[in-house]
Amino acid sequence: MIKLRALLLHAVIILFSVGPAIADEQDGAALEMKVYNSDAASFHVNSVLLTGKRDAILIDAQFTRAHAHRLVAEILDSRKNLIAVYISHGDPDYYFGLEIIKQEFPDVKVYASSPTVSWIKKTVDKKVAFWGPKMGMEAPLSPVIPAVLPGNSLDLEGHKLEVVGLNGEQPQRSFVWIPALKAIVGGVNVFAGLHLWTADTQSKEEREAWAGVLDRMIALNPDTVVSGHAAVNAPQDASQITYSLDYLKVYEKALEKTETSESLIKLMQQAYPDAKLEIALDIGAKVNKGEMKW
């Protein structure tokens, strides 16, 4: 019984509303946003459920089968018609849960940007081979591949969800801007209270392009910012964009000062003693110091 209770406590997720309901000027409906924040075992990845009067759109589908099932429960509890799922990035913690989402909502359209779809197709077998043994029963049995999003936006009862950055230096690092809420769903670009995942940006130029995406977010002057990965109870505002920008600057200087991943990790731990997601720091340091292939 004690072991079961511990497992149940570990499975607790954070689900909360952010931002005020925004009146739809066209028909008086409201647009609302809820954020599902997973645990450390799922890299603290966030999913976002946007709801109108009748319909809903989900952004990102979680990593494990268990979290995807809980996300399905929240969608059902909303009593809205799920019309689309948008996958903002090609890492498995953003799309492995699609299999469960599609089982419950078989007719829902699943989209991603063209670069993201290409990346998923290129890497999905390798990702399943790497993560499958580690995840066990939590791994997908048949990963779902999104279709390419037509254009650069989705529509939810007259509200545009704009995918920004598809024509930029790193189109795989696009993000979602919701003008009606003045909200950004930052995806893999924005981290809150965590070490940033740098294993996929293995050059200074790539990290500078990442910083450019963050600058573009700041220019939108958002009221709400949902990080792709967030510590429990982390703020959901523009401070997390600044946090991510500052982290990249500190990381770049630490890379220049150190010779090994061990020394790089120590410097970053000193700079960010309270940051979670140590696996991101560990793998990123080894990859960027040439000690590990990714």
C-alpha atoms as a PDB file:
ATOM      1  CA  MET A   1       0.000   0.000   0.000  1.00  0.00           C
ATOM      2  CA  ILE A   2       2.849   2.392   0.844  1.00  0.00           C
ATOM      3  CA  LYS A   3       4.510   1.663  -2.497  1.00  0.00           C
ATOM      4  CA  LEU A   4       1.223   2.246  -4.365  1.00  0.00           C
ATOM      5  CA  ARG A   5       0.681   5.520  -2.517  1.00  0.00           C
ATOM      6  CA  ALA A   6       4.188   6.662  -3.478  1.00  0.00           C
ATOM      7  CA  LEU A   7       3.526   5.842  -7.108  1.00  0.00           C
ATOM      8  CA  LEU A   8       0.275   7.781  -7.052  1.00  0.00           C
ATOM      9  CA  LEU A   9       1.957  10.788  -5.488  1.00  0.00           C
ATOM     10  CA  HIS A  10       4.705  10.634  -8.111  1.00  0.00           C
ATOM     11  CA  ALA A  11       2.051  10.629 -10.825  1.00  0.00           C
ATOM     12  CA  VAL A  12       0.466  13.896  -9.686  1.00  0.00           C
ATOM     13  CA  ILE A  13       0.518  16.517 -12.419  1.00  0.00           C
ATOM     14  CA  ILE A  14       0.072  20.226 -12.397  1.00  0.00           C
ATOM     15  CA  LEU A  15      -2.873  21.584 -14.360  1.00  0.00           C
ATOM     16  CA  PHE A  16      -3.777  25.230 -14.147  1.00  0.00           C
ATOM     17  CA  SER A  17      -5.392  28.019 -16.134  1.00  0.00           C
ATOM     18  CA  VAL A  18      -3.300  30.958 -17.255  1.00  0.00           C
ATOM     19  CA  GLY A  19      -4.403  34.334 -18.482  1.00  0.00           C
ATOM     20  CA  PRO A  20      -7.911  35.735 -18.483  1.00  0.00           C
ATOM     21  CA  ALA A  21     -10.666  34.459 -20.730  1.00  0.00           C
ATOM     22  CA  ILE A  22     -10.683  36.638 -23.819  1.00  0.00           C
ATOM     23  CA  ALA A  23     -14.019  37.597 -25.397  1.00  0.00           C
ATOM     24  CA  ASP A  24     -14.429  36.643 -29.018  1.00  0.00           C
ATOM     25  CA  GLU A  25     -15.599  39.810 -30.743  1.00  0.00           C
ATOM     26  CA  GLN A  26     -17.236  37.772 -33.485  1.00  0.00           C
ATOM     27  CA  ASP A  27     -19.688  35.679 -31.467  1.00  0.00           C
ATOM     28  CA  GLY A  28     -19.115  36.434 -27.788  1.00  0.00           C
ATOM     29  CA  ALA A  29     -17.288  33.161 -27.119  1.00  0.00           C
ATOM     30  CA  ALA A  30     -14.261  32.997 -24.866  1.00  0.00           C
ATOM     31  CA  LEU A  31     -10.814  31.615 -25.601  1.00  0.00           C
ATOM     32  CA  GLU A  32      -9.100  29.984 -22.651  1.00  0.00           C
ATOM     33  CA  MET A  33      -5.810  28.202 -22.132  1.00  0.00           C
ATOM     34  CA  LYS A  34      -4.793  25.443 -19.743  1.00  0.00           C
ATOM     35  CA  VAL A  35      -1.308  24.056 -19.250  1.00  0.00           C
ATOM     36  CA  TYR A  36      -0.456  20.469 -18.404  1.00  0.00           C
ATOM     37  CA  ASN A  37       2.975  20.219 -16.742  1.00  0.00           C
ATOM     38  CA  SER A  38       4.546  16.761 -16.491  1.00  0.00           C
ATOM     39  CA  ASP A  39       7.142  15.440 -14.051  1.00  0.00           C
ATOM     40  CA  ALA A  40      10.927  15.130 -14.169  1.00  0.00           C
ATOM     41  CA  ALA A  41      10.759  11.683 -15.788  1.00  0.00           C
ATOM     42  CA  SER A  42       9.079  13.370 -18.767  1.00  0.00           C
ATOM     43  CA  PHE A  43      11.513  16.309 -18.771  1.00  0.00           C
ATOM     44  CA  HIS A  44       8.903  18.656 -17.242  1.00  0.00           C
ATOM     45  CA  VAL A  45       7.411  19.029 -20.734  1.00  0.00           C
ATOM     46  CA  ASN A  46       4.266  21.132 -21.115  1.00  0.00           C
ATOM     47  CA  SER A  47       1.150  20.588 -23.198  1.00  0.00           C
ATOM     48  CA  VAL A  48      -1.367  23.372 -23.817  1.00  0.00           C
ATOM     49  CA  LEU A  49      -5.124  22.984 -24.283  1.00  0.00           C
ATOM     50  CA  LEU A  50      -6.869  25.940 -25.910  1.00  0.00           C
ATOM     51  CA  THR A  51     -10.649  25.965 -25.722  1.00  0.00           C
ATOM     52  CA  GLY A  52     -13.398  28.075 -27.213  1.00  0.00           C
ATOM     53  CA  LYS A  53     -17.150  27.850 -26.781  1.00  0.00           C
ATOM     54  CA  ARG A  54     -17.386  24.521 -28.635  1.00  0.00           C
ATOM     55  CA  ASP A  55     -13.981  23.404 -29.870  1.00  0.00           C
ATOM     56  CA  ALA A  56     -10.448  22.837 -28.636  1.00  0.00           C
ATOM     57  CA  ILE A  57      -6.914  22.623 -29.998  1.00  0.00           C
ATOM     58  CA  LEU A  58      -4.078  20.807 -28.238  1.00  0.00           C
ATOM     59  CA  ILE A  59      -0.459  21.900 -28.558  1.00  0.00           C
ATOM     60  CA  ASP A  60       1.988  19.039 -27.892  1.00  0.00           C
ATOM     61  CA  ALA A  61       1.098  15.547 -26.756  1.00  0.00           C
ATOM     62  CA  GLN A  62       3.427  14.521 -23.913  1.00  0.00           C
ATOM     63  CA  PHE A  63       6.173  11.895 -23.715  1.00  0.00           C
ATOM     64  CA  THR A  64       4.807   8.867 -21.858  1.00  0.00           C
ATOM     65  CA  ARG A  65       1.643   6.844 -22.313  1.00  0.00           C
ATOM     66  CA  ALA A  66       0.613   7.566 -18.719  1.00  0.00           C
ATOM     67  CA  HIS A  67       0.849  11.340 -19.098  1.00  0.00           C
ATOM     68  CA  ALA A  68      -0.924  11.147 -22.453  1.00  0.00           C
ATOM     69  CA  HIS A  69      -3.794   9.253 -20.798  1.00  0.00           C
ATOM     70  CA  ARG A  70      -4.066  11.957 -18.124  1.00  0.00           C
ATOM     71  CA  LEU A  71      -4.029  14.600 -20.821  1.00  0.00           C
ATOM     72  CA  VAL A  72      -6.873  12.789 -22.609  1.00  0.00           C
ATOM     73  CA  ALA A  73      -8.858  12.883 -19.364  1.00  0.00           C
ATOM     74  CA  GLU A  74      -8.426  16.651 -19.159  1.00  0.00           C
ATOM     75  CA  ILE A  75      -9.577  17.058 -22.767  1.00  0.00           C
ATOM     76  CA  LEU A  76     -12.653  14.942 -22.063  1.00  0.00           C
ATOM     77  CA  ASP A  77     -13.354  16.933 -18.899  1.00  0.00           C
ATOM     78  CA  SER A  78     -13.335  20.139 -20.953  1.00  0.00           C
ATOM     79  CA  ARG A  79     -16.368  18.800 -22.887  1.00  0.00           C
ATOM     80  CA  LYS A  80     -15.020  20.480 -26.013  1.00  0.00           C
ATOM     81  CA  ASN A  81     -14.641  19.039 -29.493  1.00  0.00           C
ATOM     82  CA  LEU A  82     -10.936  18.457 -30.144  1.00  0.00           C
ATOM     83  CA  ILE A  83     -10.464  19.640 -33.727  1.00  0.00           C
ATOM     84  CA  ALA A  84      -6.672  19.605 -34.045  1.00  0.00           C
ATOM     85  CA  VAL A  85      -3.394  18.747 -32.374  1.00  0.00           C
ATOM     86  CA  TYR A  86      -0.297  20.760 -33.209  1.00  0.00           C
ATOM     87  CA  ILE A  87       3.156  19.348 -32.471  1.00  0.00           C
ATOM     88  CA  SER A  88       5.604  22.192 -32.019  1.00  0.00           C
ATOM     89  CA  HIS A  89       8.865  20.247 -32.106  1.00  0.00           C
ATOM     90  CA  GLY A  90      10.333  16.972 -33.317  1.00  0.00           C
ATOM     91  CA  ASP A  91      11.742  15.634 -30.049  1.00  0.00           C
ATOM     92  CA  PRO A  92       9.901  12.568 -28.694  1.00  0.00           C
ATOM     93  CA  ASP A  93       8.723  14.259 -25.499  1.00  0.00           C
ATOM     94  CA  TYR A  94       6.506  16.395 -27.732  1.00  0.00           C
ATOM     95  CA  TYR A  95       4.902  13.647 -29.843  1.00  0.00           C
ATOM     96  CA  PHE A  96       5.304  10.142 -28.356  1.00  0.00           C
ATOM     97  CA  GLY A  97       1.960  10.598 -26.573  1.00  0.00           C
ATOM     98  CA  LEU A  98       0.118  11.118 -29.865  1.00  0.00           C
ATOM     99  CA  GLU A  99      -0.617   7.407 -30.067  1.00  0.00           C
ATOM    100  CA  ILE A 100      -2.859   7.660 -26.987  1.00  0.00           C
ATOM    101  CA  ILE A 101      -4.461  10.918 -28.147  1.00  0.00           C
ATOM    102  CA  LYS A 102      -5.381   9.351 -31.499  1.00  0.00           C
ATOM    103  CA  GLN A 103      -6.822   6.252 -29.834  1.00  0.00           C
ATOM    104  CA  GLU A 104      -9.337   8.399 -27.964  1.00  0.00           C
ATOM    105  CA  PHE A 105      -9.858  10.943 -30.759  1.00  0.00           C
ATOM    106  CA  PRO A 106      -9.310   8.920 -33.963  1.00  0.00           C
ATOM    107  CA  ASP A 107     -10.652  11.615 -36.290  1.00  0.00           C
ATOM    108  CA  VAL A 108      -8.621  14.518 -34.928  1.00  0.00           C
ATOM    109  CA  LYS A 109      -6.179  16.147 -37.333  1.00  0.00           C
ATOM    110  CA  VAL A 110      -2.555  16.154 -36.173  1.00  0.00           C
ATOM    111  CA  TYR A 111      -0.225  18.763 -37.650  1.00  0.00           C
ATOM    112  CA  ALA A 112       3.340  19.987 -37.392  1.00  0.00           C
ATOM    113  CA  SER A 113       5.510  22.294 -39.458  1.00  0.00           C
ATOM    114  CA  SER A 114       7.252  20.835 -42.492  1.00  0.00           C
ATOM    115  CA  PRO A 115      10.723  20.858 -40.815  1.00  0.00           C
ATOM    116  CA  THR A 116       9.276  19.134 -37.750  1.00  0.00           C
ATOM    117  CA  VAL A 117       7.541  16.427 -39.793  1.00  0.00           C
ATOM    118  CA  SER A 118      10.742  15.813 -41.759  1.00  0.00           C
ATOM    119  CA  TRP A 119      12.768  15.569 -38.558  1.00  0.00           C
ATOM    120  CA  ILE A 120      10.327  13.150 -36.932  1.00  0.00           C
ATOM    121  CA  LYS A 121      10.316  10.898 -40.003  1.00  0.00           C
ATOM    122  CA  LYS A 122      14.117  10.942 -40.083  1.00  0.00           C
ATOM    123  CA  THR A 123      14.654  10.207 -36.398  1.00  0.00           C
ATOM    124  CA  VAL A 124      11.614   8.355 -35.042  1.00  0.00           C
ATOM    125  CA  ASP A 125      13.071   4.846 -35.367  1.00  0.00           C
ATOM    126  CA  LYS A 126      16.294   5.923 -33.697  1.00  0.00           C
ATOM    127  CA  LYS A 127      14.400   7.685 -30.903  1.00  0.00           C
ATOM    128  CA  VAL A 128      12.198   4.657 -30.229  1.00  0.00           C
ATOM    129  CA  ALA A 129      15.274   2.409 -30.179  1.00  0.00           C
ATOM    130  CA  PHE A 130      17.024   4.734 -27.714  1.00  0.00           C
ATOM    131  CA  TRP A 131      14.134   5.568 -25.399  1.00  0.00           C
ATOM    132  CA  GLY A 132      12.048   2.404 -25.698  1.00  0.00           C
ATOM    133  CA  PRO A 133      14.151   0.223 -23.366  1.00  0.00           C
ATOM    134  CA  LYS A 134      14.358   3.074 -20.849  1.00  0.00           C
ATOM    135  CA  MET A 135      10.613   3.772 -20.940  1.00  0.00           C
ATOM    136  CA  GLY A 136       9.374   0.190 -20.917  1.00  0.00           C
ATOM    137  CA  MET A 137       5.559   0.105 -20.973  1.00  0.00           C
ATOM    138  CA  GLU A 138       5.482   3.904 -21.220  1.00  0.00           C
ATOM    139  CA  ALA A 139       6.954   3.869 -24.742  1.00  0.00           C
ATOM    140  CA  PRO A 140       4.709   4.187 -27.809  1.00  0.00           C
ATOM    141  CA  LEU A 141       3.882   0.975 -29.630  1.00  0.00           C
ATOM    142  CA  SER A 142       3.177   2.709 -32.940  1.00  0.00           C
ATOM    143  CA  PRO A 143       4.327   6.354 -33.040  1.00  0.00           C
ATOM    144  CA  VAL A 144       2.040   8.749 -34.892  1.00  0.00           C
ATOM    145  CA  ILE A 145       3.605  10.981 -37.557  1.00  0.00           C
ATOM    146  CA  PRO A 146       1.902  14.382 -37.942  1.00  0.00           C
ATOM    147  CA  ALA A 147       0.807  15.776 -41.285  1.00  0.00           C
ATOM    148  CA  VAL A 148       2.357  19.003 -42.550  1.00  0.00           C
ATOM    149  CA  LEU A 149       0.412  22.059 -41.413  1.00  0.00           C
ATOM    150  CA  PRO A 150      -1.164  23.843 -44.402  1.00  0.00           C
ATOM    151  CA  GLY A 151      -0.009  27.443 -44.195  1.00  0.00           C
ATOM    152  CA  ASN A 152       1.254  28.968 -40.964  1.00  0.00           C
ATOM    153  CA  SER A 153      -1.741  29.112 -38.630  1.00  0.00           C
ATOM    154  CA  LEU A 154      -4.632  27.223 -37.074  1.00  0.00           C
ATOM    155  CA  ASP A 155      -8.093  28.627 -36.433  1.00  0.00           C
ATOM    156  CA  LEU A 156     -10.064  28.152 -33.232  1.00  0.00           C
ATOM    157  CA  GLU A 157     -13.535  29.698 -33.509  1.00  0.00           C
ATOM    158  CA  GLY A 158     -12.213  32.737 -35.330  1.00  0.00           C
ATOM    159  CA  HIS A 159      -9.043  33.097 -33.247  1.00  0.00           C
ATOM    160  CA  LYS A 160      -5.746  32.623 -35.057  1.00  0.00           C
ATOM    161  CA  LEU A 161      -2.976  30.513 -33.591  1.00  0.00           C
ATOM    162  CA  GLU A 162       0.007  31.773 -35.575  1.00  0.00           C
ATOM    163  CA  VAL A 163       3.106  29.642 -36.102  1.00  0.00           C
ATOM    164  CA  VAL A 164       5.951  32.158 -36.068  1.00  0.00           C
ATOM    165  CA  GLY A 165       9.431  31.614 -37.476  1.00  0.00           C
ATOM    166  CA  LEU A 166       8.868  29.145 -40.294  1.00  0.00           C
ATOM    167  CA  ASN A 167      10.827  31.448 -42.594  1.00  0.00           C
ATOM    168  CA  GLY A 168      13.618  32.121 -40.085  1.00  0.00           C
ATOM    169  CA  GLU A 169      17.109  30.716 -39.629  1.00  0.00           C
ATOM    170  CA  GLN A 170      15.793  27.799 -37.557  1.00  0.00           C
ATOM    171  CA  PRO A 171      12.300  26.921 -38.807  1.00  0.00           C
ATOM    172  CA  GLN A 172      12.386  23.815 -36.611  1.00  0.00           C
ATOM    173  CA  ARG A 173      12.354  26.264 -33.670  1.00  0.00           C
ATOM    174  CA  SER A 174       9.102  28.003 -34.546  1.00  0.00           C
ATOM    175  CA  PHE A 175       6.660  28.947 -31.799  1.00  0.00           C
ATOM    176  CA  VAL A 176       2.939  29.661 -31.476  1.00  0.00           C
ATOM    177  CA  TRP A 177       1.627  33.206 -30.988  1.00  0.00           C
ATOM    178  CA  ILE A 178      -1.994  33.685 -29.909  1.00  0.00           C
ATOM    179  CA  PRO A 179      -2.871  37.362 -30.444  1.00  0.00           C
ATOM    180  CA  ALA A 180      -6.243  37.179 -28.662  1.00  0.00           C
ATOM    181  CA  LEU A 181      -4.514  36.148 -25.440  1.00  0.00           C
ATOM    182  CA  LYS A 182      -1.235  37.960 -26.088  1.00  0.00           C
ATOM    183  CA  ALA A 183       0.257  34.564 -25.322  1.00  0.00           C
ATOM    184  CA  ILE A 184       3.252  32.645 -26.618  1.00  0.00           C
ATOM    185  CA  VAL A 185       3.537  28.869 -26.505  1.00  0.00           C
ATOM    186  CA  GLY A 186       7.305  28.779 -26.719  1.00  0.00           C
ATOM    187  CA  GLY A 187       7.966  25.093 -27.227  1.00  0.00           C
ATOM    188  CA  VAL A 188      11.562  23.943 -27.120  1.00  0.00           C
ATOM    189  CA  ASN A 189      12.844  27.520 -27.232  1.00  0.00           C
ATOM    190  CA  VAL A 190      11.813  28.487 -23.703  1.00  0.00           C
ATOM    191  CA  PHE A 191      12.702  26.789 -20.413  1.00  0.00           C
ATOM    192  CA  ALA A 192      11.550  27.807 -16.942  1.00  0.00           C
ATOM    193  CA  GLY A 193      13.633  27.028 -13.868  1.00  0.00           C
ATOM    194  CA  LEU A 194      15.522  24.295 -15.712  1.00  0.00           C
ATOM    195  CA  HIS A 195      18.782  23.676 -17.508  1.00  0.00           C
ATOM    196  CA  LEU A 196      18.304  24.241 -21.238  1.00  0.00           C
ATOM    197  CA  TRP A 197      18.509  21.342 -23.680  1.00  0.00           C
ATOM    198  CA  THR A 198      21.613  22.194 -25.722  1.00  0.00           C
ATOM    199  CA  ALA A 199      22.421  18.801 -27.242  1.00  0.00           C
ATOM    200  CA  ASP A 200      20.608  19.790 -30.451  1.00  0.00           C
ATOM    201  CA  THR A 201      22.501  23.085 -30.851  1.00  0.00           C
ATOM    202  CA  GLN A 202      26.078  21.980 -31.352  1.00  0.00           C
ATOM    203  CA  SER A 203      27.517  25.172 -32.825  1.00  0.00           C
ATOM    204  CA  LYS A 204      27.743  28.777 -31.724  1.00  0.00           C
ATOM    205  CA  GLU A 205      25.781  29.797 -34.817  1.00  0.00           C
ATOM    206  CA  GLU A 206      22.875  27.508 -33.902  1.00  0.00           C
ATOM    207  CA  ARG A 207      22.773  28.857 -30.362  1.00  0.00           C
ATOM    208  CA  GLU A 208      22.859  32.427 -31.674  1.00  0.00           C
ATOM    209  CA  ALA A 209      19.937  31.622 -33.977  1.00  0.00           C
ATOM    210  CA  TRP A 210      18.093  30.225 -30.949  1.00  0.00           C
ATOM    211  CA  ALA A 211      18.717  33.497 -29.126  1.00  0.00           C
ATOM    212  CA  GLY A 212      17.332  35.305 -32.166  1.00  0.00           C
ATOM    213  CA  VAL A 213      14.073  33.371 -31.827  1.00  0.00           C
ATOM    214  CA  LEU A 214      13.857  34.482 -28.195  1.00  0.00           C
ATOM    215  CA  ASP A 215      14.469  38.103 -29.210  1.00  0.00           C
ATOM    216  CA  ARG A 216      11.593  37.799 -31.661  1.00  0.00           C
ATOM    217  CA  MET A 217       9.351  36.616 -28.839  1.00  0.00           C
ATOM    218  CA  ILE A 218      10.269  39.575 -26.649  1.00  0.00           C
ATOM    219  CA  ALA A 219       9.401  41.943 -29.498  1.00  0.00           C
ATOM    220  CA  LEU A 220       5.802  40.656 -29.390  1.00  0.00           C
ATOM    221  CA  ASN A 221       5.463  41.946 -25.804  1.00  0.00           C
ATOM    222  CA  PRO A 222       3.467  38.914 -24.592  1.00  0.00           C
ATOM    223  CA  ASP A 223       1.405  38.871 -21.409  1.00  0.00           C
ATOM    224  CA  THR A 224       1.716  35.094 -21.050  1.00  0.00           C
ATOM    225  CA  VAL A 225       4.569  32.786 -22.025  1.00  0.00           C
ATOM    226  CA  VAL A 226       4.236  29.018 -21.733  1.00  0.00           C
ATOM    227  CA  SER A 227       7.632  27.342 -21.682  1.00  0.00           C
ATOM    228  CA  GLY A 228       8.145  24.076 -23.500  1.00  0.00           C
ATOM    229  CA  HIS A 229       9.670  22.717 -20.301  1.00  0.00           C
ATOM    230  CA  ALA A 230       8.983  24.173 -16.870  1.00  0.00           C
ATOM    231  CA  ALA A 231       9.681  23.481 -13.227  1.00  0.00           C
ATOM    232  CA  VAL A 232       6.629  23.193 -10.996  1.00  0.00           C
ATOM    233  CA  ASN A 233       5.024  26.576 -10.277  1.00  0.00           C
ATOM    234  CA  ALA A 234       7.421  28.439 -12.566  1.00  0.00           C
ATOM    235  CA  PRO A 235       6.140  31.858 -13.731  1.00  0.00           C
ATOM    236  CA  GLN A 236       4.391  31.969 -17.091  1.00  0.00           C
ATOM    237  CA  ASP A 237       5.477  35.333 -18.368  1.00  0.00           C
ATOM    238  CA  ALA A 238       8.227  36.986 -20.382  1.00  0.00           C
ATOM    239  CA  SER A 239      10.721  36.497 -17.547  1.00  0.00           C
ATOM    240  CA  GLN A 240      11.193  32.949 -18.819  1.00  0.00           C
ATOM    241  CA  ILE A 241      12.277  34.244 -22.222  1.00  0.00           C
ATOM    242  CA  THR A 242      14.858  36.411 -20.456  1.00  0.00           C
ATOM    243  CA  TYR A 243      15.897  33.438 -18.320  1.00  0.00           C
ATOM    244  CA  SER A 244      16.500  31.345 -21.447  1.00  0.00           C
ATOM    245  CA  LEU A 245      18.416  34.146 -23.180  1.00  0.00           C
ATOM    246  CA  ASP A 246      20.628  34.722 -20.153  1.00  0.00           C
ATOM    247  CA  TYR A 247      21.271  30.999 -19.797  1.00  0.00           C
ATOM    248  CA  LEU A 248      22.476  30.773 -23.401  1.00  0.00           C
ATOM    249  CA  LYS A 249      24.898  33.658 -22.804  1.00  0.00           C
ATOM    250  CA  VAL A 250      26.268  32.087 -19.626  1.00  0.00           C
ATOM    251  CA  TYR A 251      26.525  28.715 -21.368  1.00  0.00           C
ATOM    252  CA  GLU A 252      28.482  30.180 -24.279  1.00  0.00           C
ATOM    253  CA  LYS A 253      31.020  31.782 -21.941  1.00  0.00           C
ATOM    254  CA  ALA A 254      31.300  28.573 -19.924  1.00  0.00           C
ATOM    255  CA  LEU A 255      31.949  26.596 -23.108  1.00  0.00           C
ATOM    256  CA  GLU A 256      34.836  28.909 -23.967  1.00  0.00           C
ATOM    257  CA  LYS A 257      36.354  28.654 -20.482  1.00  0.00           C
ATOM    258  CA  THR A 258      36.256  24.875 -20.098  1.00  0.00           C
ATOM    259  CA  GLU A 259      37.931  21.879 -21.701  1.00  0.00           C
ATOM    260  CA  THR A 260      35.738  19.003 -20.524  1.00  0.00           C
ATOM    261  CA  SER A 261      32.074  18.312 -19.951  1.00  0.00           C
ATOM    262  CA  GLU A 262      32.770  17.805 -16.252  1.00  0.00           C
ATOM    263  CA  SER A 263      34.183  21.302 -15.841  1.00  0.00           C
ATOM    264  CA  LEU A 264      31.395  22.788 -17.979  1.00  0.00           C
ATOM    265  CA  ILE A 265      28.761  21.092 -15.828  1.00  0.00           C
ATOM    266  CA  LYS A 266      30.359  22.426 -12.638  1.00  0.00           C
ATOM    267  CA  LEU A 267      30.376  25.989 -13.952  1.00  0.00           C
ATOM    268  CA  MET A 268      26.725  25.827 -14.989  1.00  0.00           C
ATOM    269  CA  GLN A 269      25.708  24.271 -11.674  1.00  0.00           C
ATOM    270  CA  GLN A 270      27.432  27.137  -9.889  1.00  0.00           C
ATOM    271  CA  ALA A 271      25.635  29.667 -12.087  1.00  0.00           C
ATOM    272  CA  TYR A 272      22.248  27.918 -11.745  1.00  0.00           C
ATOM    273  CA  PRO A 273      22.297  26.023  -8.430  1.00  0.00           C
ATOM    274  CA  ASP A 274      18.516  25.627  -8.267  1.00  0.00           C
ATOM    275  CA  ALA A 275      17.913  24.600 -11.880  1.00  0.00           C
ATOM    276  CA  LYS A 276      16.297  21.216 -12.462  1.00  0.00           C
ATOM    277  CA  LEU A 277      16.608  18.878 -15.461  1.00  0.00           C
ATOM    278  CA  GLU A 278      20.193  17.826 -14.823  1.00  0.00           C
ATOM    279  CA  ILE A 279      19.963  15.341 -17.688  1.00  0.00           C
ATOM    280  CA  ALA A 280      19.792  18.255 -20.130  1.00  0.00           C
ATOM    281  CA  LEU A 281      22.964  19.768 -18.701  1.00  0.00           C
ATOM    282  CA  ASP A 282      24.761  16.417 -18.608  1.00  0.00           C
ATOM    283  CA  ILE A 283      23.958  15.318 -22.165  1.00  0.00           C
ATOM    284  CA  GLY A 284      24.351  18.814 -23.617  1.00  0.00           C
ATOM    285  CA  ALA A 285      27.762  19.266 -22.025  1.00  0.00           C
ATOM    286  CA  LYS A 286      29.038  15.916 -23.288  1.00  0.00           C
ATOM    287  CA  VAL A 287      27.721  16.542 -26.793  1.00  0.00           C
ATOM    288  CA  ASN A 288      29.065  20.090 -27.043  1.00  0.00           C
ATOM    289  CA  LYS A 289      32.478  18.995 -25.749  1.00  0.00           C
ATOM    290  CA  GLY A 290      32.662  16.227 -28.340  1.00  0.00           C
ATOM    291  CA  GLU A 291      32.507  13.440 -25.768  1.00  0.00           C
ATOM    292  CA  MET A 292      29.180  12.039 -26.948  1.00  0.00           C
ATOM    293  CA  LYS A 293      27.342  11.772 -30.257  1.00  0.00           C
ATOM    294  CA  TRP A 294      23.733  12.877 -30.419  1.00  0.00           C
END
